[in-house]
N, C-alpha and C. Protein backbone atom coordinates (compact mmCIF):
# COMPACT_ATOMS: atom_id res chain seq x y z
N MET A 1 67.48 46.20 172.18
CA MET A 1 67.58 46.50 170.78
C MET A 1 68.53 47.68 170.63
N LYS A 2 69.41 47.56 169.67
CA LYS A 2 70.37 48.63 169.40
C LYS A 2 70.20 49.09 167.96
N THR A 3 70.16 50.38 167.76
CA THR A 3 70.11 50.92 166.41
C THR A 3 71.40 51.67 166.16
N GLY A 4 71.88 51.58 164.95
CA GLY A 4 73.13 52.25 164.61
C GLY A 4 74.32 51.54 165.22
N LYS A 5 75.46 52.15 165.06
CA LYS A 5 76.70 51.56 165.60
C LYS A 5 76.74 51.72 167.10
N PHE A 6 77.34 50.76 167.77
CA PHE A 6 77.50 50.84 169.22
C PHE A 6 78.80 50.17 169.62
N GLN A 7 79.26 50.52 170.80
CA GLN A 7 80.50 49.99 171.34
C GLN A 7 80.19 48.91 172.38
N THR A 8 81.15 48.04 172.63
CA THR A 8 80.99 47.01 173.65
C THR A 8 80.65 47.63 175.00
N SER A 9 81.22 48.79 175.29
CA SER A 9 80.97 49.46 176.57
C SER A 9 79.50 49.81 176.76
N GLU A 10 78.75 49.94 175.67
CA GLU A 10 77.33 50.26 175.78
C GLU A 10 76.48 49.07 176.20
N LEU A 11 77.10 47.92 176.31
CA LEU A 11 76.39 46.71 176.76
C LEU A 11 76.62 46.43 178.24
N THR A 12 77.30 47.33 178.95
CA THR A 12 77.63 47.06 180.35
C THR A 12 76.39 46.88 181.22
N GLY A 13 75.33 47.64 180.98
CA GLY A 13 74.11 47.49 181.76
C GLY A 13 73.49 46.11 181.56
N LEU A 14 73.45 45.67 180.32
CA LEU A 14 72.92 44.35 180.01
C LEU A 14 73.78 43.26 180.65
N LEU A 15 75.09 43.43 180.57
CA LEU A 15 75.99 42.44 181.15
C LEU A 15 75.86 42.39 182.67
N GLU A 16 75.69 43.53 183.31
CA GLU A 16 75.51 43.57 184.76
C GLU A 16 74.19 42.92 185.16
N PHE A 17 73.13 43.22 184.42
CA PHE A 17 71.83 42.59 184.71
C PHE A 17 71.95 41.07 184.58
N THR A 18 72.62 40.61 183.54
CA THR A 18 72.80 39.17 183.32
C THR A 18 73.62 38.55 184.45
N ARG A 19 74.62 39.28 184.95
CA ARG A 19 75.43 38.77 186.06
C ARG A 19 74.56 38.61 187.31
N ARG A 20 73.69 39.57 187.55
CA ARG A 20 72.84 39.52 188.75
C ARG A 20 71.68 38.54 188.63
N HIS A 21 71.29 38.24 187.40
CA HIS A 21 70.16 37.34 187.14
C HIS A 21 70.62 36.25 186.17
N PRO A 22 71.33 35.24 186.68
CA PRO A 22 71.94 34.25 185.80
C PRO A 22 70.95 33.43 184.96
N ASP A 23 69.68 33.41 185.33
CA ASP A 23 68.70 32.67 184.53
C ASP A 23 68.25 33.46 183.29
N PHE A 24 68.57 34.75 183.25
CA PHE A 24 68.20 35.60 182.12
C PHE A 24 69.10 35.31 180.94
N ARG A 25 68.50 35.14 179.75
CA ARG A 25 69.28 34.92 178.53
C ARG A 25 69.24 36.20 177.69
N PRO A 26 70.35 36.93 177.63
CA PRO A 26 70.35 38.19 176.88
C PRO A 26 70.33 37.94 175.38
N LEU A 27 69.83 38.91 174.65
CA LEU A 27 69.84 38.87 173.19
C LEU A 27 69.86 40.31 172.69
N VAL A 28 70.84 40.62 171.86
CA VAL A 28 70.92 41.94 171.25
C VAL A 28 70.32 41.84 169.85
N ILE A 29 69.37 42.70 169.57
CA ILE A 29 68.77 42.79 168.24
C ILE A 29 69.37 44.03 167.60
N CYS A 30 70.04 43.84 166.47
CA CYS A 30 70.82 44.95 165.90
C CYS A 30 70.97 44.78 164.40
N SER A 31 71.73 45.67 163.80
CA SER A 31 72.05 45.55 162.38
C SER A 31 73.13 44.49 162.20
N ALA A 32 73.35 44.10 160.97
CA ALA A 32 74.37 43.08 160.69
C ALA A 32 75.75 43.52 161.18
N SER A 33 76.06 44.81 161.05
CA SER A 33 77.37 45.29 161.50
C SER A 33 77.50 45.26 163.02
N GLY A 34 76.41 45.34 163.74
CA GLY A 34 76.46 45.31 165.20
C GLY A 34 76.65 43.93 165.80
N ARG A 35 76.40 42.90 165.01
CA ARG A 35 76.54 41.53 165.54
C ARG A 35 77.95 41.25 166.03
N ALA A 36 78.94 41.70 165.31
CA ALA A 36 80.33 41.45 165.71
C ALA A 36 80.64 42.10 167.05
N THR A 37 80.14 43.31 167.27
CA THR A 37 80.36 44.00 168.53
C THR A 37 79.73 43.23 169.68
N ALA A 38 78.51 42.79 169.52
CA ALA A 38 77.83 42.03 170.57
C ALA A 38 78.54 40.70 170.83
N GLU A 39 78.95 40.04 169.78
CA GLU A 39 79.61 38.74 169.93
C GLU A 39 80.98 38.89 170.59
N ARG A 40 81.66 40.02 170.38
CA ARG A 40 82.93 40.26 171.09
C ARG A 40 82.68 40.35 172.59
N ALA A 41 81.51 40.84 172.98
CA ALA A 41 81.15 40.93 174.39
C ALA A 41 80.53 39.62 174.89
N GLU A 42 80.51 38.61 174.02
CA GLU A 42 79.96 37.29 174.34
C GLU A 42 78.46 37.35 174.65
N VAL A 43 77.76 38.22 173.91
CA VAL A 43 76.31 38.35 174.03
C VAL A 43 75.70 37.88 172.72
N PRO A 44 74.77 36.94 172.76
CA PRO A 44 74.12 36.50 171.51
C PRO A 44 73.44 37.68 170.82
N ALA A 45 73.49 37.67 169.49
CA ALA A 45 72.89 38.77 168.72
C ALA A 45 72.31 38.23 167.43
N ILE A 46 71.22 38.87 166.99
CA ILE A 46 70.65 38.58 165.69
C ILE A 46 70.29 39.92 165.05
N THR A 47 70.17 39.90 163.74
CA THR A 47 69.76 41.12 163.05
C THR A 47 68.28 41.37 163.29
N TRP A 48 67.88 42.62 163.16
CA TRP A 48 66.47 42.93 163.37
C TRP A 48 65.61 42.30 162.28
N GLN A 49 66.19 42.14 161.07
CA GLN A 49 65.45 41.49 160.00
C GLN A 49 65.16 40.03 160.34
N GLN A 50 66.19 39.34 160.85
CA GLN A 50 66.02 37.94 161.22
C GLN A 50 65.02 37.81 162.37
N PHE A 51 65.08 38.75 163.32
CA PHE A 51 64.15 38.72 164.45
C PHE A 51 62.71 38.88 163.97
N LEU A 52 62.48 39.81 163.03
CA LEU A 52 61.13 40.03 162.52
C LEU A 52 60.62 38.83 161.73
N LEU A 53 61.49 38.19 160.97
CA LEU A 53 61.07 37.05 160.16
C LEU A 53 60.90 35.77 160.98
N ASP A 54 61.83 35.52 161.90
CA ASP A 54 61.88 34.23 162.60
C ASP A 54 61.53 34.30 164.08
N GLY A 55 61.51 35.50 164.65
CA GLY A 55 61.30 35.62 166.09
C GLY A 55 62.59 35.33 166.84
N PRO A 56 62.52 35.31 168.17
CA PRO A 56 63.74 35.05 168.95
C PRO A 56 64.23 33.63 168.74
N PRO A 57 65.53 33.42 168.85
CA PRO A 57 66.08 32.07 168.70
C PRO A 57 65.45 31.11 169.70
N GLY A 58 65.10 29.93 169.24
CA GLY A 58 64.54 28.91 170.11
C GLY A 58 63.04 29.02 170.31
N ALA A 59 62.42 30.06 169.75
CA ALA A 59 60.97 30.22 169.90
C ALA A 59 60.26 29.30 168.92
N ALA A 60 59.23 28.66 169.40
CA ALA A 60 58.43 27.79 168.53
C ALA A 60 57.58 28.66 167.62
N ARG A 61 57.56 28.32 166.37
CA ARG A 61 56.73 29.06 165.41
C ARG A 61 55.35 28.43 165.37
N GLY A 62 54.36 29.28 165.47
CA GLY A 62 52.98 28.80 165.45
C GLY A 62 52.55 28.37 164.06
N ASN A 63 51.52 27.58 164.02
CA ASN A 63 50.98 27.11 162.76
C ASN A 63 49.90 28.10 162.33
N LEU A 64 50.17 28.87 161.30
CA LEU A 64 49.23 29.89 160.83
C LEU A 64 48.42 29.34 159.66
N GLN A 65 47.22 28.90 159.91
CA GLN A 65 46.36 28.40 158.84
C GLN A 65 45.03 29.07 158.89
């Protein structure tokens, strides 16, 4: 999770971990303005609002009754 503005260089740890563990699917949770930075680094990103409302991409939503 990233708060505030960040640079592509700040994702190097995540990118290195992903390189060493190819089965890991990275996801950056950030503000709308941060999505472009993450996507330039070819890392999937969603806004924190979308994450709170929908959960991680591909997650099945439970039936709340």
